Amino acid sequence: MKQLFILFLAAMMEVAFPDFSRFRSEIGVKLEVAGGDITDVRRFQRPTLIRILDCIYADDTALVSDSFEDMQEIICQFAQTATRFGLLINLQKTMSMRSNPAVQENLTVPHFFVGNHPLEDVSSF
């Protein structure tokens, strides 16, 4: 059953971010991956740069970005599309975590919002 929900979330992300060419080149987190045929060991010599926006596990989704502004845009798009698909985001369980230690120590860092609801900042999940 969870596999169907993962497919549902993947389809929802396609609707939320239809302009993948823009989103794959501008927002999300940049990763270097070995592209090409899995049997070609030369693929490790020429890594491909990609960007990811989300990580889905069971019924949880982690949205990721390397900038505050992009993250807030991703959250807004995700929340609007979830509403269109009839999903409710549990705001009591939805949190934000920042991986930059300099940002974590700064108490004046703005919160992320889902609608008008500020997300709780945590240091671990």
C-alpha atoms as a PDB file:
ATOM      1  CA  MET A   1       0.000   0.000   0.000  1.00  0.00           C
ATOM      2  CA  LYS A   2       2.849   2.399   0.786  1.00  0.00           C
ATOM      3  CA  GLN A   3       4.271   1.827  -2.699  1.00  0.00           C
ATOM      4  CA  LEU A   4       1.042   3.223  -4.173  1.00  0.00           C
ATOM      5  CA  PHE A   5       1.277   6.269  -1.927  1.00  0.00           C
ATOM      6  CA  ILE A   6       4.880   6.854  -3.061  1.00  0.00           C
ATOM      7  CA  LEU A   7       3.681   6.744  -6.677  1.00  0.00           C
ATOM      8  CA  PHE A   8       0.894   9.168  -5.759  1.00  0.00           C
ATOM      9  CA  LEU A   9       3.409  11.577  -4.167  1.00  0.00           C
ATOM     10  CA  ALA A  10       5.723  11.278  -7.182  1.00  0.00           C
ATOM     11  CA  ALA A  11       2.816  12.186  -9.469  1.00  0.00           C
ATOM     12  CA  MET A  12       1.928  15.086  -7.194  1.00  0.00           C
ATOM     13  CA  MET A  13       5.516  16.400  -7.422  1.00  0.00           C
ATOM     14  CA  GLU A  14       5.263  16.256 -11.243  1.00  0.00           C
ATOM     15  CA  VAL A  15       2.142  18.435 -11.032  1.00  0.00           C
ATOM     16  CA  ALA A  16       3.663  20.772  -8.420  1.00  0.00           C
ATOM     17  CA  PHE A  17       6.825  21.306 -10.467  1.00  0.00           C
ATOM     18  CA  PRO A  18       5.864  20.923 -14.132  1.00  0.00           C
ATOM     19  CA  ASP A  19       8.751  23.060 -15.394  1.00  0.00           C
ATOM     20  CA  PHE A  20      11.415  20.513 -14.431  1.00  0.00           C
ATOM     21  CA  SER A  21      14.003  22.097 -16.712  1.00  0.00           C
ATOM     22  CA  ARG A  22      13.946  25.241 -14.575  1.00  0.00           C
ATOM     23  CA  PHE A  23      13.713  23.467 -11.261  1.00  0.00           C
ATOM     24  CA  ARG A  24      16.409  20.927 -12.103  1.00  0.00           C
ATOM     25  CA  SER A  25      18.863  23.669 -13.007  1.00  0.00           C
ATOM     26  CA  GLU A  26      18.042  26.312 -10.401  1.00  0.00           C
ATOM     27  CA  ILE A  27      16.530  25.021  -7.158  1.00  0.00           C
ATOM     28  CA  GLY A  28      16.882  22.018  -4.912  1.00  0.00           C
ATOM     29  CA  VAL A  29      20.146  20.451  -3.795  1.00  0.00           C
ATOM     30  CA  LYS A  30      22.919  19.807  -6.292  1.00  0.00           C
ATOM     31  CA  LEU A  31      24.288  16.245  -6.468  1.00  0.00           C
ATOM     32  CA  GLU A  32      27.009  14.683  -8.569  1.00  0.00           C
ATOM     33  CA  VAL A  33      26.026  11.248  -9.817  1.00  0.00           C
ATOM     34  CA  ALA A  34      27.593   8.722 -12.135  1.00  0.00           C
ATOM     35  CA  GLY A  35      25.480   8.936 -15.273  1.00  0.00           C
ATOM     36  CA  GLY A  36      25.225   6.551 -18.189  1.00  0.00           C
ATOM     37  CA  ASP A  37      25.051   2.804 -18.592  1.00  0.00           C
ATOM     38  CA  ILE A  38      25.504   0.894 -15.334  1.00  0.00           C
ATOM     39  CA  THR A  39      27.932  -1.512 -17.020  1.00  0.00           C
ATOM     40  CA  ASP A  40      30.217   1.292 -18.255  1.00  0.00           C
ATOM     41  CA  VAL A  41      32.843   1.988 -15.550  1.00  0.00           C
ATOM     42  CA  ARG A  42      33.926   5.127 -17.438  1.00  0.00           C
ATOM     43  CA  ARG A  43      30.725   6.790 -16.207  1.00  0.00           C
ATOM     44  CA  PHE A  44      32.487   7.456 -12.895  1.00  0.00           C
ATOM     45  CA  GLN A  45      35.024   9.635 -14.742  1.00  0.00           C
ATOM     46  CA  ARG A  46      32.356  12.007 -16.002  1.00  0.00           C
ATOM     47  CA  PRO A  47      29.817  12.645 -13.234  1.00  0.00           C
ATOM     48  CA  THR A  48      26.512  14.261 -14.070  1.00  0.00           C
ATOM     49  CA  LEU A  49      25.174  17.168 -12.021  1.00  0.00           C
ATOM     50  CA  ILE A  50      21.524  16.916 -11.016  1.00  0.00           C
ATOM     51  CA  ARG A  51      19.324  18.685  -8.501  1.00  0.00           C
ATOM     52  CA  ILE A  52      16.756  17.043  -6.255  1.00  0.00           C
ATOM     53  CA  LEU A  53      13.738  18.665  -4.620  1.00  0.00           C
ATOM     54  CA  ASP A  54      12.412  15.869  -2.467  1.00  0.00           C
ATOM     55  CA  CYS A  55      13.142  12.561  -0.792  1.00  0.00           C
ATOM     56  CA  ILE A  56      10.140  10.292  -0.246  1.00  0.00           C
ATOM     57  CA  TYR A  57      10.103   7.449   2.266  1.00  0.00           C
ATOM     58  CA  ALA A  58       6.889   5.581   3.142  1.00  0.00           C
ATOM     59  CA  ASP A  59       4.373   8.368   3.829  1.00  0.00           C
ATOM     60  CA  ASP A  60       6.982  11.021   4.677  1.00  0.00           C
ATOM     61  CA  THR A  61       8.426  13.584   2.301  1.00  0.00           C
ATOM     62  CA  ALA A  62      11.556  15.634   2.892  1.00  0.00           C
ATOM     63  CA  LEU A  63      11.761  18.743   0.724  1.00  0.00           C
ATOM     64  CA  VAL A  64      15.318  19.986   0.196  1.00  0.00           C
ATOM     65  CA  SER A  65      17.019  23.120  -1.076  1.00  0.00           C
ATOM     66  CA  ASP A  66      20.273  24.998  -0.682  1.00  0.00           C
ATOM     67  CA  SER A  67      18.715  28.451  -0.237  1.00  0.00           C
ATOM     68  CA  PHE A  68      16.035  29.888   2.042  1.00  0.00           C
ATOM     69  CA  GLU A  69      14.087  31.550  -0.776  1.00  0.00           C
ATOM     70  CA  ASP A  70      14.026  28.416  -2.920  1.00  0.00           C
ATOM     71  CA  MET A  71      12.970  26.296   0.058  1.00  0.00           C
ATOM     72  CA  GLN A  72      10.027  28.578   0.805  1.00  0.00           C
ATOM     73  CA  GLU A  73       9.005  28.435  -2.876  1.00  0.00           C
ATOM     74  CA  ILE A  74       9.197  24.621  -2.838  1.00  0.00           C
ATOM     75  CA  ILE A  75       7.108  24.474   0.362  1.00  0.00           C
ATOM     76  CA  CYS A  76       4.437  26.780  -1.111  1.00  0.00           C
ATOM     77  CA  GLN A  77       4.212  24.815  -4.367  1.00  0.00           C
ATOM     78  CA  PHE A  78       4.062  21.511  -2.486  1.00  0.00           C
ATOM     79  CA  ALA A  79       1.351  22.757  -0.077  1.00  0.00           C
ATOM     80  CA  GLN A  80      -0.804  24.198  -2.887  1.00  0.00           C
ATOM     81  CA  THR A  81      -0.563  21.005  -4.910  1.00  0.00           C
ATOM     82  CA  ALA A  82      -1.266  18.823  -1.860  1.00  0.00           C
ATOM     83  CA  THR A  83      -4.486  20.774  -1.340  1.00  0.00           C
ATOM     84  CA  ARG A  84      -5.433  20.289  -5.012  1.00  0.00           C
ATOM     85  CA  PHE A  85      -4.868  16.521  -4.586  1.00  0.00           C
ATOM     86  CA  GLY A  86      -6.998  16.427  -1.427  1.00  0.00           C
ATOM     87  CA  LEU A  87      -4.096  15.852   0.959  1.00  0.00           C
ATOM     88  CA  LEU A  88      -3.740  17.516   4.344  1.00  0.00           C
ATOM     89  CA  ILE A  89      -0.320  18.461   5.688  1.00  0.00           C
ATOM     90  CA  ASN A  90      -0.089  17.651   9.389  1.00  0.00           C
ATOM     91  CA  LEU A  91       1.314  20.959  10.632  1.00  0.00           C
ATOM     92  CA  GLN A  92       2.022  19.545  14.110  1.00  0.00           C
ATOM     93  CA  LYS A  93       4.406  16.969  12.576  1.00  0.00           C
ATOM     94  CA  THR A  94       5.882  19.215   9.874  1.00  0.00           C
ATOM     95  CA  MET A  95       9.252  20.670  10.851  1.00  0.00           C
ATOM     96  CA  SER A  96      12.248  22.329   9.247  1.00  0.00           C
ATOM     97  CA  MET A  97      15.873  21.439   9.770  1.00  0.00           C
ATOM     98  CA  ARG A  98      18.839  23.401   8.508  1.00  0.00           C
ATOM     99  CA  SER A  99      22.142  21.710   7.887  1.00  0.00           C
ATOM    100  CA  ASN A 100      24.321  24.825   7.868  1.00  0.00           C
ATOM    101  CA  PRO A 101      25.832  25.216  11.389  1.00  0.00           C
ATOM    102  CA  ALA A 102      26.282  28.973  10.924  1.00  0.00           C
ATOM    103  CA  VAL A 103      22.552  29.319  10.241  1.00  0.00           C
ATOM    104  CA  GLN A 104      21.601  27.062  13.171  1.00  0.00           C
ATOM    105  CA  GLU A 105      23.469  29.317  15.609  1.00  0.00           C
ATOM    106  CA  ASN A 106      21.829  32.472  14.240  1.00  0.00           C
ATOM    107  CA  LEU A 107      18.662  33.085  16.257  1.00  0.00           C
ATOM    108  CA  THR A 108      17.358  35.719  13.829  1.00  0.00           C
ATOM    109  CA  VAL A 109      16.918  33.266  10.949  1.00  0.00           C
ATOM    110  CA  PRO A 110      13.372  33.517   9.565  1.00  0.00           C
ATOM    111  CA  HIS A 111      10.991  30.581   9.814  1.00  0.00           C
ATOM    112  CA  PHE A 112       9.590  28.654   6.902  1.00  0.00           C
ATOM    113  CA  PHE A 113       5.821  28.832   6.526  1.00  0.00           C
ATOM    114  CA  VAL A 114       3.078  26.550   5.248  1.00  0.00           C
ATOM    115  CA  GLY A 115       0.382  29.098   4.550  1.00  0.00           C
ATOM    116  CA  ASN A 116       0.342  31.293   7.667  1.00  0.00           C
ATOM    117  CA  HIS A 117       1.712  28.571   9.936  1.00  0.00           C
ATOM    118  CA  PRO A 118       5.427  28.872  10.877  1.00  0.00           C
ATOM    119  CA  LEU A 119       7.292  25.564  10.897  1.00  0.00           C
ATOM    120  CA  GLU A 120       9.158  24.490  14.008  1.00  0.00           C
ATOM    121  CA  ASP A 121      12.956  24.492  13.543  1.00  0.00           C
ATOM    122  CA  VAL A 122      14.655  21.329  14.838  1.00  0.00           C
ATOM    123  CA  SER A 123      18.267  20.181  14.916  1.00  0.00           C
ATOM    124  CA  SER A 124      17.468  16.501  14.219  1.00  0.00           C
ATOM    125  CA  PHE A 125      14.576  14.246  13.208  1.00  0.00           C
END
